[in-house]
Amino acid sequence: MNEHDHRYFERLIKVRLASLEAESASGHDAQAIVELDQQAVGRLSRMDALQNQAMAKAQQARRDVETRRLQTALSRIAEGEYGYCEDCGDLIARGRLELDLAASKCVSCASD
């Protein structure tokens, strides 16, 4: 993998990280504590609010995992290891990296 490829993937990763940060900021209110005021919110509405809160927290957990994976990928770029399988050292297919910017294993090693 050459320097041009590293810069290309670094830009893509940074754009995705910015997108994740924006999604996290917009989803912050949905994770807020659901109030217990039964007068203001009916039982079914409260159940809906609790379900929406749980989904928002699960989405945030997925964003957090993806953010950590992408930050690790940026570290691999800085170390010159990005694009090479961390198990066998072979080149990871460009198409695989475009689908999963944080892929750290080739298809063969990932399927083992």
PDB file of N, CA and C in Angstrom:
ATOM      1  N   MET A   1       0.859  -1.174   0.000  1.00  0.00           N
ATOM      2  CA  MET A   1       0.000   0.000   0.000  1.00  0.00           C
ATOM      3  C   MET A   1       0.903   1.234   0.000  1.00  0.00           C
ATOM      4  N   ASN A   2       0.620   2.152  -0.902  1.00  0.00           N
ATOM      5  CA  ASN A   2       1.489   3.325  -1.035  1.00  0.00           C
ATOM      6  C   ASN A   2       0.951   4.523  -0.234  1.00  0.00           C
ATOM      7  N   GLU A   3       1.726   5.581  -0.220  1.00  0.00           N
ATOM      8  CA  GLU A   3       1.386   6.792   0.539  1.00  0.00           C
ATOM      9  C   GLU A   3       0.073   7.411   0.054  1.00  0.00           C
ATOM     10  N   HIS A   4      -0.150   7.383  -1.239  1.00  0.00           N
ATOM     11  CA  HIS A   4      -1.395   7.919  -1.805  1.00  0.00           C
ATOM     12  C   HIS A   4      -2.593   7.160  -1.236  1.00  0.00           C
ATOM     13  N   ASP A   5      -2.500   5.837  -1.183  1.00  0.00           N
ATOM     14  CA  ASP A   5      -3.582   5.024  -0.618  1.00  0.00           C
ATOM     15  C   ASP A   5      -3.797   5.358   0.853  1.00  0.00           C
ATOM     16  N   HIS A   6      -2.710   5.502   1.591  1.00  0.00           N
ATOM     17  CA  HIS A   6      -2.829   5.838   3.013  1.00  0.00           C
ATOM     18  C   HIS A   6      -3.545   7.172   3.203  1.00  0.00           C
ATOM     19  N   ARG A   7      -3.201   8.178   2.419  1.00  0.00           N
ATOM     20  CA  ARG A   7      -3.858   9.491   2.518  1.00  0.00           C
ATOM     21  C   ARG A   7      -5.340   9.384   2.160  1.00  0.00           C
ATOM     22  N   TYR A   8      -5.635   8.599   1.116  1.00  0.00           N
ATOM     23  CA  TYR A   8      -7.022   8.392   0.688  1.00  0.00           C
ATOM     24  C   TYR A   8      -7.848   7.787   1.824  1.00  0.00           C
ATOM     25  N   PHE A   9      -7.338   6.716   2.410  1.00  0.00           N
ATOM     26  CA  PHE A   9      -8.090   6.052   3.481  1.00  0.00           C
ATOM     27  C   PHE A   9      -8.118   6.894   4.755  1.00  0.00           C
ATOM     28  N   GLU A  10      -7.076   7.640   5.016  1.00  0.00           N
ATOM     29  CA  GLU A  10      -7.059   8.531   6.181  1.00  0.00           C
ATOM     30  C   GLU A  10      -8.165   9.578   6.055  1.00  0.00           C
ATOM     31  N   ARG A  11      -8.335  10.148   4.866  1.00  0.00           N
ATOM     32  CA  ARG A  11      -9.416  11.123   4.644  1.00  0.00           C
ATOM     33  C   ARG A  11     -10.774  10.476   4.862  1.00  0.00           C
ATOM     34  N   LEU A  12     -10.975   9.268   4.309  1.00  0.00           N
ATOM     35  CA  LEU A  12     -12.252   8.580   4.482  1.00  0.00           C
ATOM     36  C   LEU A  12     -12.538   8.299   5.958  1.00  0.00           C
ATOM     37  N   ILE A  13     -11.528   7.870   6.679  1.00  0.00           N
ATOM     38  CA  ILE A  13     -11.697   7.564   8.102  1.00  0.00           C
ATOM     39  C   ILE A  13     -12.050   8.831   8.874  1.00  0.00           C
ATOM     40  N   LYS A  14     -11.374   9.924   8.589  1.00  0.00           N
ATOM     41  CA  LYS A  14     -11.656  11.176   9.300  1.00  0.00           C
ATOM     42  C   LYS A  14     -13.056  11.689   9.002  1.00  0.00           C
ATOM     43  N   VAL A  15     -13.522  11.527   7.773  1.00  0.00           N
ATOM     44  CA  VAL A  15     -14.886  11.930   7.424  1.00  0.00           C
ATOM     45  C   VAL A  15     -15.895  11.077   8.199  1.00  0.00           C
ATOM     46  N   ARG A  16     -15.640   9.774   8.266  1.00  0.00           N
ATOM     47  CA  ARG A  16     -16.545   8.877   9.006  1.00  0.00           C
ATOM     48  C   ARG A  16     -16.534   9.193  10.496  1.00  0.00           C
ATOM     49  N   LEU A  17     -15.370   9.494  11.060  1.00  0.00           N
ATOM     50  CA  LEU A  17     -15.299   9.865  12.479  1.00  0.00           C
ATOM     51  C   LEU A  17     -16.090  11.141  12.752  1.00  0.00           C
ATOM     52  N   ALA A  18     -16.004  12.112  11.863  1.00  0.00           N
ATOM     53  CA  ALA A  18     -16.774  13.352  12.022  1.00  0.00           C
ATOM     54  C   ALA A  18     -18.269  13.070  11.954  1.00  0.00           C
ATOM     55  N   SER A  19     -18.648  12.178  11.066  1.00  0.00           N
ATOM     56  CA  SER A  19     -20.053  11.796  10.941  1.00  0.00           C
ATOM     57  C   SER A  19     -20.549  11.109  12.219  1.00  0.00           C
ATOM     58  N   LEU A  20     -19.731  10.218  12.768  1.00  0.00           N
ATOM     59  CA  LEU A  20     -20.098   9.537  14.012  1.00  0.00           C
ATOM     60  C   LEU A  20     -20.239  10.528  15.163  1.00  0.00           C
ATOM     61  N   GLU A  21     -19.351  11.508  15.208  1.00  0.00           N
ATOM     62  CA  GLU A  21     -19.413  12.522  16.256  1.00  0.00           C
ATOM     63  C   GLU A  21     -20.704  13.332  16.131  1.00  0.00           C
ATOM     64  N   ALA A  22     -21.080  13.686  14.920  1.00  0.00           N
ATOM     65  CA  ALA A  22     -22.321  14.438  14.696  1.00  0.00           C
ATOM     66  C   ALA A  22     -23.534  13.598  15.078  1.00  0.00           C
ATOM     67  N   GLU A  23     -23.522  12.312  14.724  1.00  0.00           N
ATOM     68  CA  GLU A  23     -24.624  11.416  15.091  1.00  0.00           C
ATOM     69  C   GLU A  23     -24.733  11.297  16.609  1.00  0.00           C
ATOM     70  N   SER A  24     -23.604  11.205  17.278  1.00  0.00           N
ATOM     71  CA  SER A  24     -23.600  11.101  18.740  1.00  0.00           C
ATOM     72  C   SER A  24     -24.193  12.350  19.372  1.00  0.00           C
ATOM     73  N   ALA A  25     -23.811  13.504  18.851  1.00  0.00           N
ATOM     74  CA  ALA A  25     -24.320  14.763  19.392  1.00  0.00           C
ATOM     75  C   ALA A  25     -25.831  14.865  19.201  1.00  0.00           C
ATOM     76  N   SER A  26     -26.326  14.466  18.042  1.00  0.00           N
ATOM     77  CA  SER A  26     -27.763  14.578  17.787  1.00  0.00           C
ATOM     78  C   SER A  26     -28.559  13.525  18.551  1.00  0.00           C
ATOM     79  N   GLY A  27     -27.945  12.400  18.895  1.00  0.00           N
ATOM     80  CA  GLY A  27     -28.647  11.341  19.619  1.00  0.00           C
ATOM     81  C   GLY A  27     -28.556  11.466  21.126  1.00  0.00           C
ATOM     82  N   HIS A  28     -27.841  12.482  21.606  1.00  0.00           N
ATOM     83  CA  HIS A  28     -27.630  12.643  23.048  1.00  0.00           C
ATOM     84  C   HIS A  28     -28.947  12.830  23.802  1.00  0.00           C
ATOM     85  N   ASP A  29     -29.858  13.645  23.293  1.00  0.00           N
ATOM     86  CA  ASP A  29     -31.128  13.903  23.977  1.00  0.00           C
ATOM     87  C   ASP A  29     -31.985  12.646  24.077  1.00  0.00           C
ATOM     88  N   ALA A  30     -31.896  11.769  23.099  1.00  0.00           N
ATOM     89  CA  ALA A  30     -32.703  10.550  23.104  1.00  0.00           C
ATOM     90  C   ALA A  30     -32.270   9.580  24.200  1.00  0.00           C
ATOM     91  N   GLN A  31     -31.065   9.779  24.745  1.00  0.00           N
ATOM     92  CA  GLN A  31     -30.568   8.891  25.794  1.00  0.00           C
ATOM     93  C   GLN A  31     -30.866   9.422  27.195  1.00  0.00           C
ATOM     94  N   ALA A  32     -31.498  10.579  27.268  1.00  0.00           N
ATOM     95  CA  ALA A  32     -31.774  11.189  28.562  1.00  0.00           C
ATOM     96  C   ALA A  32     -32.700  10.314  29.397  1.00  0.00           C
ATOM     97  N   ILE A  33     -32.661  10.506  30.698  1.00  0.00           N
ATOM     98  CA  ILE A  33     -33.499   9.739  31.620  1.00  0.00           C
ATOM     99  C   ILE A  33     -34.955  10.047  31.341  1.00  0.00           C
ATOM    100  N   VAL A  34     -35.774   8.999  31.307  1.00  0.00           N
ATOM    101  CA  VAL A  34     -37.205   9.147  31.075  1.00  0.00           C
ATOM    102  C   VAL A  34     -37.864   9.496  32.408  1.00  0.00           C
ATOM    103  N   GLU A  35     -38.617  10.584  32.421  1.00  0.00           N
ATOM    104  CA  GLU A  35     -39.270  11.062  33.642  1.00  0.00           C
ATOM    105  C   GLU A  35     -40.387  10.107  34.070  1.00  0.00           C
ATOM    106  N   LEU A  36     -40.623  10.048  35.383  1.00  0.00           N
ATOM    107  CA  LEU A  36     -41.629   9.149  35.944  1.00  0.00           C
ATOM    108  C   LEU A  36     -43.002   9.798  36.104  1.00  0.00           C
ATOM    109  N   ASP A  37     -43.194  11.002  35.676  1.00  0.00           N
ATOM    110  CA  ASP A  37     -44.448  11.728  35.852  1.00  0.00           C
ATOM    111  C   ASP A  37     -45.560  11.068  35.044  1.00  0.00           C
ATOM    112  N   GLN A  38     -46.377  10.258  35.718  1.00  0.00           N
ATOM    113  CA  GLN A  38     -47.466   9.542  35.041  1.00  0.00           C
ATOM    114  C   GLN A  38     -48.581  10.481  34.587  1.00  0.00           C
ATOM    115  N   GLN A  39     -48.686  11.651  35.214  1.00  0.00           N
ATOM    116  CA  GLN A  39     -49.708  12.615  34.823  1.00  0.00           C
ATOM    117  C   GLN A  39     -49.384  13.227  33.460  1.00  0.00           C
ATOM    118  N   ALA A  40     -48.102  13.466  33.217  1.00  0.00           N
ATOM    119  CA  ALA A  40     -47.690  14.114  31.973  1.00  0.00           C
ATOM    120  C   ALA A  40     -47.580  13.131  30.823  1.00  0.00           C
ATOM    121  N   VAL A  41     -47.224  11.899  31.147  1.00  0.00           N
ATOM    122  CA  VAL A  41     -47.011  10.893  30.104  1.00  0.00           C
ATOM    123  C   VAL A  41     -47.771   9.639  30.482  1.00  0.00           C
ATOM    124  N   GLY A  42     -48.585   9.152  29.577  1.00  0.00           N
ATOM    125  CA  GLY A  42     -49.321   7.923  29.827  1.00  0.00           C
ATOM    126  C   GLY A  42     -48.401   6.708  29.860  1.00  0.00           C
ATOM    127  N   ARG A  43     -48.941   5.571  30.348  1.00  0.00           N
ATOM    128  CA  ARG A  43     -48.135   4.359  30.503  1.00  0.00           C
ATOM    129  C   ARG A  43     -47.542   3.882  29.182  1.00  0.00           C
ATOM    130  N   LEU A  44     -48.338   3.866  28.124  1.00  0.00           N
ATOM    131  CA  LEU A  44     -47.836   3.406  26.829  1.00  0.00           C
ATOM    132  C   LEU A  44     -46.816   4.381  26.252  1.00  0.00           C
ATOM    133  N   SER A  45     -47.061   5.667  26.442  1.00  0.00           N
ATOM    134  CA  SER A  45     -46.101   6.654  25.962  1.00  0.00           C
ATOM    135  C   SER A  45     -44.780   6.515  26.706  1.00  0.00           C
ATOM    136  N   ARG A  46     -44.867   6.226  28.008  1.00  0.00           N
ATOM    137  CA  ARG A  46     -43.650   6.027  28.808  1.00  0.00           C
ATOM    138  C   ARG A  46     -42.907   4.787  28.326  1.00  0.00           C
ATOM    139  N   MET A  47     -43.640   3.714  28.013  1.00  0.00           N
ATOM    140  CA  MET A  47     -42.999   2.493  27.504  1.00  0.00           C
ATOM    141  C   MET A  47     -42.306   2.783  26.174  1.00  0.00           C
ATOM    142  N   ASP A  48     -42.954   3.545  25.327  1.00  0.00           N
ATOM    143  CA  ASP A  48     -42.338   3.945  24.056  1.00  0.00           C
ATOM    144  C   ASP A  48     -41.074   4.753  24.304  1.00  0.00           C
ATOM    145  N   ALA A  49     -41.143   5.675  25.257  1.00  0.00           N
ATOM    146  CA  ALA A  49     -39.983   6.511  25.569  1.00  0.00           C
ATOM    147  C   ALA A  49     -38.829   5.661  26.095  1.00  0.00           C
ATOM    148  N   LEU A  50     -39.145   4.680  26.953  1.00  0.00           N
ATOM    149  CA  LEU A  50     -38.107   3.790  27.472  1.00  0.00           C
ATOM    150  C   LEU A  50     -37.487   2.950  26.357  1.00  0.00           C
ATOM    151  N   GLN A  51     -38.325   2.471  25.443  1.00  0.00           N
ATOM    152  CA  GLN A  51     -37.815   1.684  24.321  1.00  0.00           C
ATOM    153  C   GLN A  51     -36.933   2.551  23.415  1.00  0.00           C
ATOM    154  N   ASN A  52     -37.372   3.766  23.143  1.00  0.00           N
ATOM    155  CA  ASN A  52     -36.572   4.683  22.322  1.00  0.00           C
ATOM    156  C   ASN A  52     -35.243   5.002  23.003  1.00  0.00           C
ATOM    157  N   GLN A  53     -35.277   5.177  24.329  1.00  0.00           N
ATOM    158  CA  GLN A  53     -34.057   5.436  25.071  1.00  0.00           C
ATOM    159  C   GLN A  53     -33.097   4.248  24.956  1.00  0.00           C
ATOM    160  N   ALA A  54     -33.613   3.029  25.102  1.00  0.00           N
ATOM    161  CA  ALA A  54     -32.774   1.828  25.004  1.00  0.00           C
ATOM    162  C   ALA A  54     -32.165   1.708  23.607  1.00  0.00           C
ATOM    163  N   MET A  55     -32.951   2.000  22.575  1.00  0.00           N
ATOM    164  CA  MET A  55     -32.420   1.945  21.210  1.00  0.00           C
ATOM    165  C   MET A  55     -31.346   3.009  21.000  1.00  0.00           C
ATOM    166  N   ALA A  56     -31.555   4.195  21.544  1.00  0.00           N
ATOM    167  CA  ALA A  56     -30.563   5.269  21.409  1.00  0.00           C
ATOM    168  C   ALA A  56     -29.257   4.886  22.101  1.00  0.00           C
ATOM    169  N   LYS A  57     -29.358   4.247  23.262  1.00  0.00           N
ATOM    170  CA  LYS A  57     -28.153   3.814  23.971  1.00  0.00           C
ATOM    171  C   LYS A  57     -27.425   2.716  23.197  1.00  0.00           C
ATOM    172  N   ALA A  58     -28.172   1.792  22.598  1.00  0.00           N
ATOM    173  CA  ALA A  58     -27.557   0.726  21.798  1.00  0.00           C
ATOM    174  C   ALA A  58     -26.870   1.311  20.566  1.00  0.00           C
ATOM    175  N   GLN A  59     -27.506   2.284  19.921  1.00  0.00           N
ATOM    176  CA  GLN A  59     -26.888   2.935  18.766  1.00  0.00           C
ATOM    177  C   GLN A  59     -25.609   3.652  19.172  1.00  0.00           C
ATOM    178  N   GLN A  60     -25.624   4.296  20.352  1.00  0.00           N
ATOM    179  CA  GLN A  60     -24.430   4.985  20.827  1.00  0.00           C
ATOM    180  C   GLN A  60     -23.315   3.985  21.101  1.00  0.00           C
ATOM    181  N   ALA A  61     -23.656   2.837  21.659  1.00  0.00           N
ATOM    182  CA  ALA A  61     -22.642   1.808  21.926  1.00  0.00           C
ATOM    183  C   ALA A  61     -22.009   1.335  20.616  1.00  0.00           C
ATOM    184  N   ARG A  62     -22.816   1.157  19.573  1.00  0.00           N
ATOM    185  CA  ARG A  62     -22.280   0.769  18.268  1.00  0.00           C
ATOM    186  C   ARG A  62     -21.377   1.865  17.700  1.00  0.00           C
ATOM    187  N   ARG A  63     -21.787   3.129  17.851  1.00  0.00           N
ATOM    188  CA  ARG A  63     -20.948   4.240  17.379  1.00  0.00           C
ATOM    189  C   ARG A  63     -19.629   4.282  18.137  1.00  0.00           C
ATOM    190  N   ASP A  64     -19.672   4.019  19.427  1.00  0.00           N
ATOM    191  CA  ASP A  64     -18.447   4.018  20.236  1.00  0.00           C
ATOM    192  C   ASP A  64     -17.476   2.936  19.774  1.00  0.00           C
ATOM    193  N   VAL A  65     -18.009   1.747  19.482  1.00  0.00           N
ATOM    194  CA  VAL A  65     -17.159   0.648  18.997  1.00  0.00           C
ATOM    195  C   VAL A  65     -16.547   1.023  17.651  1.00  0.00           C
ATOM    196  N   GLU A  66     -17.362   1.554  16.752  1.00  0.00           N
ATOM    197  CA  GLU A  66     -16.845   1.935  15.436  1.00  0.00           C
ATOM    198  C   GLU A  66     -15.802   3.040  15.562  1.00  0.00           C
ATOM    199  N   THR A  67     -16.032   3.997  16.445  1.00  0.00           N
ATOM    200  CA  THR A  67     -15.077   5.086  16.649  1.00  0.00           C
ATOM    201  C   THR A  67     -13.732   4.532  17.113  1.00  0.00           C
ATOM    202  N   ARG A  68     -13.750   3.617  18.079  1.00  0.00           N
ATOM    203  CA  ARG A  68     -12.493   3.016  18.558  1.00  0.00           C
ATOM    204  C   ARG A  68     -11.782   2.256  17.442  1.00  0.00           C
ATOM    205  N   ARG A  69     -12.540   1.517  16.633  1.00  0.00           N
ATOM    206  CA  ARG A  69     -11.936   0.766  15.530  1.00  0.00           C
ATOM    207  C   ARG A  69     -11.294   1.712  14.518  1.00  0.00           C
ATOM    208  N   LEU A  70     -11.986   2.826  14.209  1.00  0.00           N
ATOM    209  CA  LEU A  70     -11.451   3.788  13.246  1.00  0.00           C
ATOM    210  C   LEU A  70     -10.232   4.515  13.796  1.00  0.00           C
ATOM    211  N   GLN A  71     -10.234   4.817  15.083  1.00  0.00           N
ATOM    212  CA  GLN A  71      -9.061   5.445  15.689  1.00  0.00           C
ATOM    213  C   GLN A  71      -7.860   4.490  15.655  1.00  0.00           C
ATOM    214  N   THR A  72      -8.123   3.211  15.856  1.00  0.00           N
ATOM    215  CA  THR A  72      -7.055   2.211  15.745  1.00  0.00           C
ATOM    216  C   THR A  72      -6.537   2.164  14.308  1.00  0.00           C
ATOM    217  N   ALA A  73      -7.442   2.272  13.338  1.00  0.00           N
ATOM    218  CA  ALA A  73      -7.031   2.280  11.931  1.00  0.00           C
ATOM    219  C   ALA A  73      -6.141   3.494  11.640  1.00  0.00           C
ATOM    220  N   LEU A  74      -6.477   4.651  12.202  1.00  0.00           N
ATOM    221  CA  LEU A  74      -5.628   5.836  12.023  1.00  0.00           C
ATOM    222  C   LEU A  74      -4.240   5.601  12.618  1.00  0.00           C
ATOM    223  N   SER A  75      -4.187   4.925  13.740  1.00  0.00           N
ATOM    224  CA  SER A  75      -2.891   4.592  14.349  1.00  0.00           C
ATOM    225  C   SER A  75      -2.097   3.664  13.443  1.00  0.00           C
ATOM    226  N   ARG A  76      -2.792   2.711  12.823  1.00  0.00           N
ATOM    227  CA  ARG A  76      -2.124   1.788  11.904  1.00  0.00           C
ATOM    228  C   ARG A  76      -1.588   2.532  10.687  1.00  0.00           C
ATOM    229  N   ILE A  77      -2.308   3.549  10.230  1.00  0.00           N
ATOM    230  CA  ILE A  77      -1.817   4.368   9.111  1.00  0.00           C
ATOM    231  C   ILE A  77      -0.537   5.086   9.539  1.00  0.00           C
ATOM    232  N   ALA A  78      -0.563   5.699  10.718  1.00  0.00           N
ATOM    233  CA  ALA A  78       0.605   6.437  11.207  1.00  0.00           C
ATOM    234  C   ALA A  78       1.825   5.528  11.348  1.00  0.00           C
ATOM    235  N   GLU A  79       1.592   4.268  11.684  1.00  0.00           N
ATOM    236  CA  GLU A  79       2.685   3.302  11.864  1.00  0.00           C
ATOM    237  C   GLU A  79       3.078   2.613  10.560  1.00  0.00           C
ATOM    238  N   GLY A  80       2.330   2.907   9.479  1.00  0.00           N
ATOM    239  CA  GLY A  80       2.618   2.285   8.190  1.00  0.00           C
ATOM    240  C   GLY A  80       2.136   0.849   8.075  1.00  0.00           C
ATOM    241  N   GLU A  81       1.232   0.449   8.970  1.00  0.00           N
ATOM    242  CA  GLU A  81       0.734  -0.922   8.985  1.00  0.00           C
ATOM    243  C   GLU A  81      -0.667  -1.070   8.398  1.00  0.00           C
ATOM    244  N   TYR A  82      -1.308   0.048   8.099  1.00  0.00           N
ATOM    245  CA  TYR A  82      -2.674  -0.004   7.580  1.00  0.00           C
ATOM    246  C   TYR A  82      -2.686  -0.686   6.215  1.00  0.00           C
ATOM    247  N   GLY A  83      -3.676  -1.543   6.032  1.00  0.00           N
ATOM    248  CA  GLY A  83      -3.823  -2.236   4.757  1.00  0.00           C
ATOM    249  C   GLY A  83      -3.146  -3.588   4.721  1.00  0.00           C
ATOM    250  N   TYR A  84      -2.467  -3.924   5.807  1.00  0.00           N
ATOM    251  CA  TYR A  84      -1.818  -5.228   5.913  1.00  0.00           C
ATOM    252  C   TYR A  84      -2.467  -6.019   7.047  1.00  0.00           C
ATOM    253  N   CYS A  85      -2.695  -7.293   6.819  1.00  0.00           N
ATOM    254  CA  CYS A  85      -3.341  -8.165   7.789  1.00  0.00           C
ATOM    255  C   CYS A  85      -2.497  -8.255   9.054  1.00  0.00           C
ATOM    256  N   GLU A  86      -3.131  -8.055  10.190  1.00  0.00           N
ATOM    257  CA  GLU A  86      -2.406  -8.113  11.455  1.00  0.00           C
ATOM    258  C   GLU A  86      -2.028  -9.535  11.846  1.00  0.00           C
ATOM    259  N   ASP A  87      -2.628 -10.536  11.190  1.00  0.00           N
ATOM    260  CA  ASP A  87      -2.295 -11.931  11.484  1.00  0.00           C
ATOM    261  C   ASP A  87      -1.203 -12.473  10.564  1.00  0.00           C
ATOM    262  N   CYS A  88      -1.444 -12.384   9.255  1.00  0.00           N
ATOM    263  CA  CYS A  88      -0.514 -13.018   8.308  1.00  0.00           C
ATOM    264  C   CYS A  88       0.410 -12.018   7.597  1.00  0.00           C
ATOM    265  N   GLY A  89       0.095 -10.725   7.656  1.00  0.00           N
ATOM    266  CA  GLY A  89       0.922  -9.713   7.023  1.00  0.00           C
ATOM    267  C   GLY A  89       0.632  -9.471   5.555  1.00  0.00           C
ATOM    268  N   ASP A  90      -0.292 -10.230   4.979  1.00  0.00           N
ATOM    269  CA  ASP A  90      -0.650 -10.033   3.568  1.00  0.00           C
ATOM    270  C   ASP A  90      -1.430  -8.731   3.391  1.00  0.00           C
ATOM    271  N   LEU A  91      -1.436  -8.237   2.178  1.00  0.00           N
ATOM    272  CA  LEU A  91      -2.176  -7.034   1.831  1.00  0.00           C
ATOM    273  C   LEU A  91      -3.681  -7.320   1.922  1.00  0.00           C
ATOM    274  N   ILE A  92      -4.412  -6.411   2.542  1.00  0.00           N
ATOM    275  CA  ILE A  92      -5.875  -6.525   2.599  1.00  0.00           C
ATOM    276  C   ILE A  92      -6.423  -5.914   1.315  1.00  0.00           C
ATOM    277  N   ALA A  93      -7.357  -6.597   0.687  1.00  0.00           N
ATOM    278  CA  ALA A  93      -7.925  -6.119  -0.579  1.00  0.00           C
ATOM    279  C   ALA A  93      -8.527  -4.720  -0.409  1.00  0.00           C
ATOM    280  N   ARG A  94      -8.261  -3.860  -1.377  1.00  0.00           N
ATOM    281  CA  ARG A  94      -8.751  -2.482  -1.345  1.00  0.00           C
ATOM    282  C   ARG A  94     -10.276  -2.438  -1.191  1.00  0.00           C
ATOM    283  N   GLY A  95     -10.969  -3.302  -1.900  1.00  0.00           N
ATOM    284  CA  GLY A  95     -12.430  -3.348  -1.797  1.00  0.00           C
ATOM    285  C   GLY A  95     -12.896  -3.649  -0.385  1.00  0.00           C
ATOM    286  N   ARG A  96     -12.178  -4.522   0.298  1.00  0.00           N
ATOM    287  CA  ARG A  96     -12.517  -4.850   1.691  1.00  0.00           C
ATOM    288  C   ARG A  96     -12.331  -3.618   2.577  1.00  0.00           C
ATOM    289  N   LEU A  97     -11.242  -2.896   2.366  1.00  0.00           N
ATOM    290  CA  LEU A  97     -10.995  -1.692   3.153  1.00  0.00           C
ATOM    291  C   LEU A  97     -12.021  -0.603   2.865  1.00  0.00           C
ATOM    292  N   GLU A  98     -12.470  -0.513   1.636  1.00  0.00           N
ATOM    293  CA  GLU A  98     -13.483   0.493   1.306  1.00  0.00           C
ATOM    294  C   GLU A  98     -14.818   0.163   1.954  1.00  0.00           C
ATOM    295  N   LEU A  99     -15.109  -1.128   2.119  1.00  0.00           N
ATOM    296  CA  LEU A  99     -16.347  -1.534   2.790  1.00  0.00           C
ATOM    297  C   LEU A  99     -16.236  -1.397   4.308  1.00  0.00           C
ATOM    298  N   ASP A 100     -15.070  -1.712   4.840  1.00  0.00           N
ATOM    299  CA  ASP A 100     -14.822  -1.622   6.280  1.00  0.00           C
ATOM    300  C   ASP A 100     -13.487  -0.928   6.477  1.00  0.00           C
ATOM    301  N   LEU A 101     -13.545   0.377   6.688  1.00  0.00           N
ATOM    302  CA  LEU A 101     -12.326   1.177   6.792  1.00  0.00           C
ATOM    303  C   LEU A 101     -11.411   0.718   7.924  1.00  0.00           C
ATOM    304  N   ALA A 102     -11.967   0.032   8.904  1.00  0.00           N
ATOM    305  CA  ALA A 102     -11.181  -0.397  10.062  1.00  0.00           C
ATOM    306  C   ALA A 102     -10.747  -1.857   9.968  1.00  0.00           C
ATOM    307  N   ALA A 103     -10.949  -2.484   8.815  1.00  0.00           N
ATOM    308  CA  ALA A 103     -10.566  -3.895   8.689  1.00  0.00           C
ATOM    309  C   ALA A 103      -9.078  -4.049   8.973  1.00  0.00           C
ATOM    310  N   SER A 104      -8.753  -5.013   9.831  1.00  0.00           N
ATOM    311  CA  SER A 104      -7.358  -5.223  10.183  1.00  0.00           C
ATOM    312  C   SER A 104      -6.876  -6.619   9.796  1.00  0.00           C
ATOM    313  N   LYS A 105      -7.780  -7.392   9.170  1.00  0.00           N
ATOM    314  CA  LYS A 105      -7.428  -8.737   8.748  1.00  0.00           C
ATOM    315  C   LYS A 105      -7.880  -8.971   7.314  1.00  0.00           C
ATOM    316  N   CYS A 106      -7.120  -9.806   6.601  1.00  0.00           N
ATOM    317  CA  CYS A 106      -7.518 -10.180   5.253  1.00  0.00           C
ATOM    318  C   CYS A 106      -8.726 -11.122   5.351  1.00  0.00           C
ATOM    319  N   VAL A 107      -9.367 -11.386   4.255  1.00  0.00           N
ATOM    320  CA  VAL A 107     -10.560 -12.226   4.247  1.00  0.00           C
ATOM    321  C   VAL A 107     -10.247 -13.623   4.812  1.00  0.00           C
ATOM    322  N   SER A 108      -9.115 -14.184   4.430  1.00  0.00           N
ATOM    323  CA  SER A 108      -8.748 -15.531   4.888  1.00  0.00           C
ATOM    324  C   SER A 108      -8.622 -15.600   6.411  1.00  0.00           C
ATOM    325  N   CYS A 109      -7.893 -14.655   6.984  1.00  0.00           N
ATOM    326  CA  CYS A 109      -7.690 -14.652   8.438  1.00  0.00           C
ATOM    327  C   CYS A 109      -8.953 -14.274   9.192  1.00  0.00           C
ATOM    328  N   ALA A 110      -9.767 -13.394   8.620  1.00  0.00           N
ATOM    329  CA  ALA A 110     -11.001 -12.973   9.276  1.00  0.00           C
ATOM    330  C   ALA A 110     -12.027 -14.114   9.318  1.00  0.00           C
ATOM    331  N   SER A 111     -11.961 -15.013   8.350  1.00  0.00           N
ATOM    332  CA  SER A 111     -12.927 -16.104   8.294  1.00  0.00           C
ATOM    333  C   SER A 111     -12.518 -17.298   9.151  1.00  0.00           C
ATOM    334  N   ASP A 112     -11.273 -17.302   9.647  1.00  0.00           N
ATOM    335  CA  ASP A 112     -10.822 -18.400  10.511  1.00  0.00           C
ATOM    336  C   ASP A 112     -11.421 -18.336  11.876  1.00  0.00           C
TER     337      ASP A 112
END
